Amino acid sequence: MSGEFDDLRSRLDTIADELADLAIDRLRNSIDNGGDKLPIDERTLSRARRAVIKASSLLVAPADRDDPY
């Protein structure tokens, strides 16, 4: 059972990386264009990335988790 969700977790981790890359691109574009505030869509992308990371971590088998729950 521990490997049952490995493929799904791997895909979620890839999505999290893609979201991080998009957020960094937004920040770079903002800086290049003289912006002095965080772009709103960068914040949204970062929140989405954290949610995907959380979903991935929830798919770890209970025996493989660090927490007792």
PDB file of N, CA and C in Angstrom:
ATOM      1  N   MET A   1       0.816  -1.204   0.000  1.00  0.00           N
ATOM      2  CA  MET A   1       0.000   0.000   0.000  1.00  0.00           C
ATOM      3  C   MET A   1       0.850   1.253   0.000  1.00  0.00           C
ATOM      4  N   SER A   2       2.061   1.175   0.511  1.00  0.00           N
ATOM      5  CA  SER A   2       2.864   2.395   0.635  1.00  0.00           C
ATOM      6  C   SER A   2       3.166   3.033  -0.709  1.00  0.00           C
ATOM      7  N   GLY A   3       3.242   2.252  -1.798  1.00  0.00           N
ATOM      8  CA  GLY A   3       3.536   2.810  -3.095  1.00  0.00           C
ATOM      9  C   GLY A   3       2.317   3.058  -3.955  1.00  0.00           C
ATOM     10  N   GLU A   4       1.146   2.877  -3.378  1.00  0.00           N
ATOM     11  CA  GLU A   4      -0.098   2.975  -4.140  1.00  0.00           C
ATOM     12  C   GLU A   4      -0.286   4.337  -4.804  1.00  0.00           C
ATOM     13  N   PHE A   5       0.160   5.400  -4.150  1.00  0.00           N
ATOM     14  CA  PHE A   5      -0.066   6.754  -4.655  1.00  0.00           C
ATOM     15  C   PHE A   5       1.224   7.411  -5.163  1.00  0.00           C
ATOM     16  N   ASP A   6       2.282   6.628  -5.332  1.00  0.00           N
ATOM     17  CA  ASP A   6       3.568   7.206  -5.734  1.00  0.00           C
ATOM     18  C   ASP A   6       3.483   7.966  -7.053  1.00  0.00           C
ATOM     19  N   ASP A   7       2.791   7.418  -8.034  1.00  0.00           N
ATOM     20  CA  ASP A   7       2.680   8.091  -9.331  1.00  0.00           C
ATOM     21  C   ASP A   7       1.931   9.412  -9.195  1.00  0.00           C
ATOM     22  N   LEU A   8       0.848   9.403  -8.467  1.00  0.00           N
ATOM     23  CA  LEU A   8       0.067  10.620  -8.265  1.00  0.00           C
ATOM     24  C   LEU A   8       0.876  11.666  -7.508  1.00  0.00           C
ATOM     25  N   ARG A   9       1.578  11.228  -6.471  1.00  0.00           N
ATOM     26  CA  ARG A   9       2.426  12.153  -5.707  1.00  0.00           C
ATOM     27  C   ARG A   9       3.502  12.755  -6.600  1.00  0.00           C
ATOM     28  N   SER A  10       4.078  11.948  -7.459  1.00  0.00           N
ATOM     29  CA  SER A  10       5.110  12.436  -8.370  1.00  0.00           C
ATOM     30  C   SER A  10       4.547  13.499  -9.311  1.00  0.00           C
ATOM     31  N   ARG A  11       3.361  13.264  -9.826  1.00  0.00           N
ATOM     32  CA  ARG A  11       2.736  14.249 -10.715  1.00  0.00           C
ATOM     33  C   ARG A  11       2.410  15.536  -9.964  1.00  0.00           C
ATOM     34  N   LEU A  12       1.928  15.411  -8.733  1.00  0.00           N
ATOM     35  CA  LEU A  12       1.646  16.606  -7.930  1.00  0.00           C
ATOM     36  C   LEU A  12       2.927  17.384  -7.635  1.00  0.00           C
ATOM     37  N   ASP A  13       4.010  16.674  -7.358  1.00  0.00           N
ATOM     38  CA  ASP A  13       5.291  17.349  -7.117  1.00  0.00           C
ATOM     39  C   ASP A  13       5.760  18.096  -8.363  1.00  0.00           C
ATOM     40  N   THR A  14       5.526  17.509  -9.525  1.00  0.00           N
ATOM     41  CA  THR A  14       5.876  18.174 -10.784  1.00  0.00           C
ATOM     42  C   THR A  14       5.034  19.429 -10.978  1.00  0.00           C
ATOM     43  N   ILE A  15       3.760  19.344 -10.668  1.00  0.00           N
ATOM     44  CA  ILE A  15       2.875  20.510 -10.771  1.00  0.00           C
ATOM     45  C   ILE A  15       3.327  21.598  -9.810  1.00  0.00           C
ATOM     46  N   ALA A  16       3.706  21.218  -8.596  1.00  0.00           N
ATOM     47  CA  ALA A  16       4.190  22.201  -7.623  1.00  0.00           C
ATOM     48  C   ALA A  16       5.428  22.914  -8.161  1.00  0.00           C
ATOM     49  N   ASP A  17       6.328  22.174  -8.793  1.00  0.00           N
ATOM     50  CA  ASP A  17       7.524  22.786  -9.389  1.00  0.00           C
ATOM     51  C   ASP A  17       7.146  23.741 -10.511  1.00  0.00           C
ATOM     52  N   GLU A  18       6.182  23.361 -11.334  1.00  0.00           N
ATOM     53  CA  GLU A  18       5.739  24.221 -12.427  1.00  0.00           C
ATOM     54  C   GLU A  18       5.110  25.507 -11.890  1.00  0.00           C
ATOM     55  N   LEU A  19       4.325  25.388 -10.825  1.00  0.00           N
ATOM     56  CA  LEU A  19       3.723  26.569 -10.212  1.00  0.00           C
ATOM     57  C   LEU A  19       4.796  27.493  -9.643  1.00  0.00           C
ATOM     58  N   ALA A  20       5.828  26.921  -9.046  1.00  0.00           N
ATOM     59  CA  ALA A  20       6.929  27.725  -8.523  1.00  0.00           C
ATOM     60  C   ALA A  20       7.640  28.467  -9.655  1.00  0.00           C
ATOM     61  N   ASP A  21       7.867  27.775 -10.769  1.00  0.00           N
ATOM     62  CA  ASP A  21       8.511  28.416 -11.916  1.00  0.00           C
ATOM     63  C   ASP A  21       7.671  29.577 -12.451  1.00  0.00           C
ATOM     64  N   LEU A  22       6.356  29.381 -12.529  1.00  0.00           N
ATOM     65  CA  LEU A  22       5.476  30.451 -12.995  1.00  0.00           C
ATOM     66  C   LEU A  22       5.516  31.645 -12.049  1.00  0.00           C
ATOM     67  N   ALA A  23       5.514  31.379 -10.751  1.00  0.00           N
ATOM     68  CA  ALA A  23       5.565  32.464  -9.767  1.00  0.00           C
ATOM     69  C   ALA A  23       6.876  33.242  -9.895  1.00  0.00           C
ATOM     70  N   ILE A  24       7.969  32.540 -10.076  1.00  0.00           N
ATOM     71  CA  ILE A  24       9.267  33.207 -10.235  1.00  0.00           C
ATOM     72  C   ILE A  24       9.277  34.044 -11.510  1.00  0.00           C
ATOM     73  N   ASP A  25       8.701  33.520 -12.584  1.00  0.00           N
ATOM     74  CA  ASP A  25       8.607  34.290 -13.826  1.00  0.00           C
ATOM     75  C   ASP A  25       7.818  35.578 -13.621  1.00  0.00           C
ATOM     76  N   ARG A  26       6.712  35.489 -12.878  1.00  0.00           N
ATOM     77  CA  ARG A  26       5.909  36.690 -12.597  1.00  0.00           C
ATOM     78  C   ARG A  26       6.726  37.719 -11.825  1.00  0.00           C
ATOM     79  N   LEU A  27       7.481  37.242 -10.831  1.00  0.00           N
ATOM     80  CA  LEU A  27       8.314  38.162 -10.054  1.00  0.00           C
ATOM     81  C   LEU A  27       9.393  38.799 -10.927  1.00  0.00           C
ATOM     82  N   ARG A  28      10.043  37.996 -11.752  1.00  0.00           N
ATOM     83  CA  ARG A  28      11.074  38.515 -12.661  1.00  0.00           C
ATOM     84  C   ARG A  28      10.513  39.570 -13.603  1.00  0.00           C
ATOM     85  N   ASN A  29       9.354  39.269 -14.184  1.00  0.00           N
ATOM     86  CA  ASN A  29       8.727  40.229 -15.097  1.00  0.00           C
ATOM     87  C   ASN A  29       8.375  41.524 -14.380  1.00  0.00           C
ATOM     88  N   SER A  30       7.891  41.413 -13.169  1.00  0.00           N
ATOM     89  CA  SER A  30       7.540  42.600 -12.399  1.00  0.00           C
ATOM     90  C   SER A  30       8.780  43.453 -12.122  1.00  0.00           C
ATOM     91  N   ILE A  31       9.864  42.800 -11.723  1.00  0.00           N
ATOM     92  CA  ILE A  31      11.113  43.525 -11.444  1.00  0.00           C
ATOM     93  C   ILE A  31      11.648  44.156 -12.721  1.00  0.00           C
ATOM     94  N   ASP A  32      11.638  43.399 -13.812  1.00  0.00           N
ATOM     95  CA  ASP A  32      12.130  43.919 -15.093  1.00  0.00           C
ATOM     96  C   ASP A  32      11.337  45.123 -15.572  1.00  0.00           C
ATOM     97  N   ASN A  33      10.057  45.162 -15.219  1.00  0.00           N
ATOM     98  CA  ASN A  33       9.198  46.280 -15.627  1.00  0.00           C
ATOM     99  C   ASN A  33       9.147  47.390 -14.589  1.00  0.00           C
ATOM    100  N   GLY A  34      10.023  47.340 -13.586  1.00  0.00           N
ATOM    101  CA  GLY A  34      10.110  48.401 -12.587  1.00  0.00           C
ATOM    102  C   GLY A  34       9.075  48.326 -11.481  1.00  0.00           C
ATOM    103  N   GLY A  35       8.414  47.206 -11.356  1.00  0.00           N
ATOM    104  CA  GLY A  35       7.401  47.062 -10.307  1.00  0.00           C
ATOM    105  C   GLY A  35       8.023  47.051  -8.922  1.00  0.00           C
ATOM    106  N   ASP A  36       7.291  47.588  -7.965  1.00  0.00           N
ATOM    107  CA  ASP A  36       7.798  47.613  -6.590  1.00  0.00           C
ATOM    108  C   ASP A  36       6.887  46.857  -5.628  1.00  0.00           C
ATOM    109  N   LYS A  37       5.890  46.143  -6.180  1.00  0.00           N
ATOM    110  CA  LYS A  37       4.987  45.333  -5.365  1.00  0.00           C
ATOM    111  C   LYS A  37       4.919  43.931  -5.948  1.00  0.00           C
ATOM    112  N   LEU A  38       4.543  42.980  -5.097  1.00  0.00           N
ATOM    113  CA  LEU A  38       4.372  41.608  -5.580  1.00  0.00           C
ATOM    114  C   LEU A  38       3.158  41.538  -6.506  1.00  0.00           C
ATOM    115  N   PRO A  39       3.302  40.889  -7.641  1.00  0.00           N
ATOM    116  CA  PRO A  39       2.142  40.710  -8.525  1.00  0.00           C
ATOM    117  C   PRO A  39       1.081  39.847  -7.842  1.00  0.00           C
ATOM    118  N   ILE A  40      -0.161  40.218  -8.034  1.00  0.00           N
ATOM    119  CA  ILE A  40      -1.259  39.476  -7.402  1.00  0.00           C
ATOM    120  C   ILE A  40      -1.270  38.025  -7.853  1.00  0.00           C
ATOM    121  N   ASP A  41      -1.026  37.786  -9.143  1.00  0.00           N
ATOM    122  CA  ASP A  41      -1.070  36.402  -9.610  1.00  0.00           C
ATOM    123  C   ASP A  41       0.083  35.572  -9.054  1.00  0.00           C
ATOM    124  N   GLU A  42       1.186  36.193  -8.668  1.00  0.00           N
ATOM    125  CA  GLU A  42       2.282  35.455  -8.021  1.00  0.00           C
ATOM    126  C   GLU A  42       1.817  34.925  -6.676  1.00  0.00           C
ATOM    127  N   ARG A  43       1.071  35.730  -5.965  1.00  0.00           N
ATOM    128  CA  ARG A  43       0.536  35.289  -4.668  1.00  0.00           C
ATOM    129  C   ARG A  43      -0.427  34.114  -4.857  1.00  0.00           C
ATOM    130  N   THR A  44      -1.265  34.203  -5.864  1.00  0.00           N
ATOM    131  CA  THR A  44      -2.210  33.134  -6.147  1.00  0.00           C
ATOM    132  C   THR A  44      -1.478  31.852  -6.532  1.00  0.00           C
ATOM    133  N   LEU A  45      -0.452  31.979  -7.374  1.00  0.00           N
ATOM    134  CA  LEU A  45       0.340  30.817  -7.769  1.00  0.00           C
ATOM    135  C   LEU A  45       1.037  30.192  -6.563  1.00  0.00           C
ATOM    136  N   SER A  46       1.541  31.022  -5.665  1.00  0.00           N
ATOM    137  CA  SER A  46       2.209  30.505  -4.458  1.00  0.00           C
ATOM    138  C   SER A  46       1.228  29.779  -3.553  1.00  0.00           C
ATOM    139  N   ARG A  47       0.022  30.314  -3.421  1.00  0.00           N
ATOM    140  CA  ARG A  47      -0.996  29.631  -2.609  1.00  0.00           C
ATOM    141  C   ARG A  47      -1.380  28.295  -3.232  1.00  0.00           C
ATOM    142  N   ALA A  48      -1.530  28.283  -4.547  1.00  0.00           N
ATOM    143  CA  ALA A  48      -1.866  27.041  -5.240  1.00  0.00           C
ATOM    144  C   ALA A  48      -0.749  26.021  -5.056  1.00  0.00           C
ATOM    145  N   ARG A  49       0.497  26.472  -5.135  1.00  0.00           N
ATOM    146  CA  ARG A  49       1.642  25.571  -4.953  1.00  0.00           C
ATOM    147  C   ARG A  49       1.624  24.947  -3.556  1.00  0.00           C
ATOM    148  N   ARG A  50       1.376  25.766  -2.544  1.00  0.00           N
ATOM    149  CA  ARG A  50       1.322  25.227  -1.176  1.00  0.00           C
ATOM    150  C   ARG A  50       0.206  24.201  -1.034  1.00  0.00           C
ATOM    151  N   ALA A  51      -0.928  24.448  -1.678  1.00  0.00           N
ATOM    152  CA  ALA A  51      -2.048  23.489  -1.618  1.00  0.00           C
ATOM    153  C   ALA A  51      -1.679  22.178  -2.302  1.00  0.00           C
ATOM    154  N   VAL A  52      -0.976  22.256  -3.425  1.00  0.00           N
ATOM    155  CA  VAL A  52      -0.572  21.043  -4.136  1.00  0.00           C
ATOM    156  C   VAL A  52       0.454  20.264  -3.312  1.00  0.00           C
ATOM    157  N   ILE A  53       1.377  20.970  -2.686  1.00  0.00           N
ATOM    158  CA  ILE A  53       2.366  20.314  -1.821  1.00  0.00           C
ATOM    159  C   ILE A  53       1.662  19.615  -0.656  1.00  0.00           C
ATOM    160  N   LYS A  54       0.668  20.276  -0.088  1.00  0.00           N
ATOM    161  CA  LYS A  54      -0.076  19.669   1.017  1.00  0.00           C
ATOM    162  C   LYS A  54      -0.806  18.418   0.539  1.00  0.00           C
ATOM    163  N   ALA A  55      -1.428  18.493  -0.633  1.00  0.00           N
ATOM    164  CA  ALA A  55      -2.129  17.325  -1.178  1.00  0.00           C
ATOM    165  C   ALA A  55      -1.155  16.173  -1.386  1.00  0.00           C
ATOM    166  N   SER A  56       0.008  16.474  -1.913  1.00  0.00           N
ATOM    167  CA  SER A  56       1.018  15.437  -2.130  1.00  0.00           C
ATOM    168  C   SER A  56       1.426  14.792  -0.808  1.00  0.00           C
ATOM    169  N   SER A  57       1.627  15.611   0.203  1.00  0.00           N
ATOM    170  CA  SER A  57       2.065  15.071   1.498  1.00  0.00           C
ATOM    171  C   SER A  57       0.981  14.231   2.166  1.00  0.00           C
ATOM    172  N   LEU A  58      -0.280  14.524   1.857  1.00  0.00           N
ATOM    173  CA  LEU A  58      -1.375  13.742   2.431  1.00  0.00           C
ATOM    174  C   LEU A  58      -1.453  12.336   1.843  1.00  0.00           C
ATOM    175  N   LEU A  59      -0.842  12.138   0.684  1.00  0.00           N
ATOM    176  CA  LEU A  59      -0.892  10.832   0.030  1.00  0.00           C
ATOM    177  C   LEU A  59       0.221   9.892   0.472  1.00  0.00           C
ATOM    178  N   VAL A  60       1.010  10.310   1.454  1.00  0.00           N
ATOM    179  CA  VAL A  60       2.042   9.431   2.003  1.00  0.00           C
ATOM    180  C   VAL A  60       1.353   8.394   2.881  1.00  0.00           C
ATOM    181  N   ALA A  61       1.746   7.162   2.750  1.00  0.00           N
ATOM    182  CA  ALA A  61       1.155   6.097   3.568  1.00  0.00           C
ATOM    183  C   ALA A  61       1.359   6.398   5.050  1.00  0.00           C
ATOM    184  N   PRO A  62       0.365   6.107   5.891  1.00  0.00           N
ATOM    185  CA  PRO A  62       0.477   6.401   7.325  1.00  0.00           C
ATOM    186  C   PRO A  62       1.748   5.839   7.955  1.00  0.00           C
ATOM    187  N   ALA A  63       2.195   4.679   7.544  1.00  0.00           N
ATOM    188  CA  ALA A  63       3.398   4.084   8.127  1.00  0.00           C
ATOM    189  C   ALA A  63       4.660   4.865   7.750  1.00  0.00           C
ATOM    190  N   ASP A  64       4.601   5.625   6.654  1.00  0.00           N
ATOM    191  CA  ASP A  64       5.764   6.389   6.186  1.00  0.00           C
ATOM    192  C   ASP A  64       5.764   7.828   6.677  1.00  0.00           C
ATOM    193  N   ARG A  65       4.724   8.251   7.347  1.00  0.00           N
ATOM    194  CA  ARG A  65       4.623   9.640   7.817  1.00  0.00           C
ATOM    195  C   ARG A  65       5.435   9.830   9.087  1.00  0.00           C
ATOM    196  N   ASP A  66       5.858  11.077   9.274  1.00  0.00           N
ATOM    197  CA  ASP A  66       6.570  11.445  10.500  1.00  0.00           C
ATOM    198  C   ASP A  66       5.619  11.633  11.672  1.00  0.00           C
ATOM    199  N   ASP A  67       4.403  12.106  11.377  1.00  0.00           N
ATOM    200  CA  ASP A  67       3.454  12.337  12.460  1.00  0.00           C
ATOM    201  C   ASP A  67       2.684  11.055  12.785  1.00  0.00           C
ATOM    202  N   PRO A  68       2.170  10.933  13.997  1.00  0.00           N
ATOM    203  CA  PRO A  68       1.504   9.693  14.404  1.00  0.00           C
ATOM    204  C   PRO A  68       0.082   9.563  13.889  1.00  0.00           C
ATOM    205  N   TYR A  69      -0.447  10.540  13.123  1.00  0.00           N
ATOM    206  CA  TYR A  69      -1.852  10.523  12.700  1.00  0.00           C
ATOM    207  C   TYR A  69      -2.009  10.111  11.280  1.00  0.00           C
TER     208      TYR A  69
END
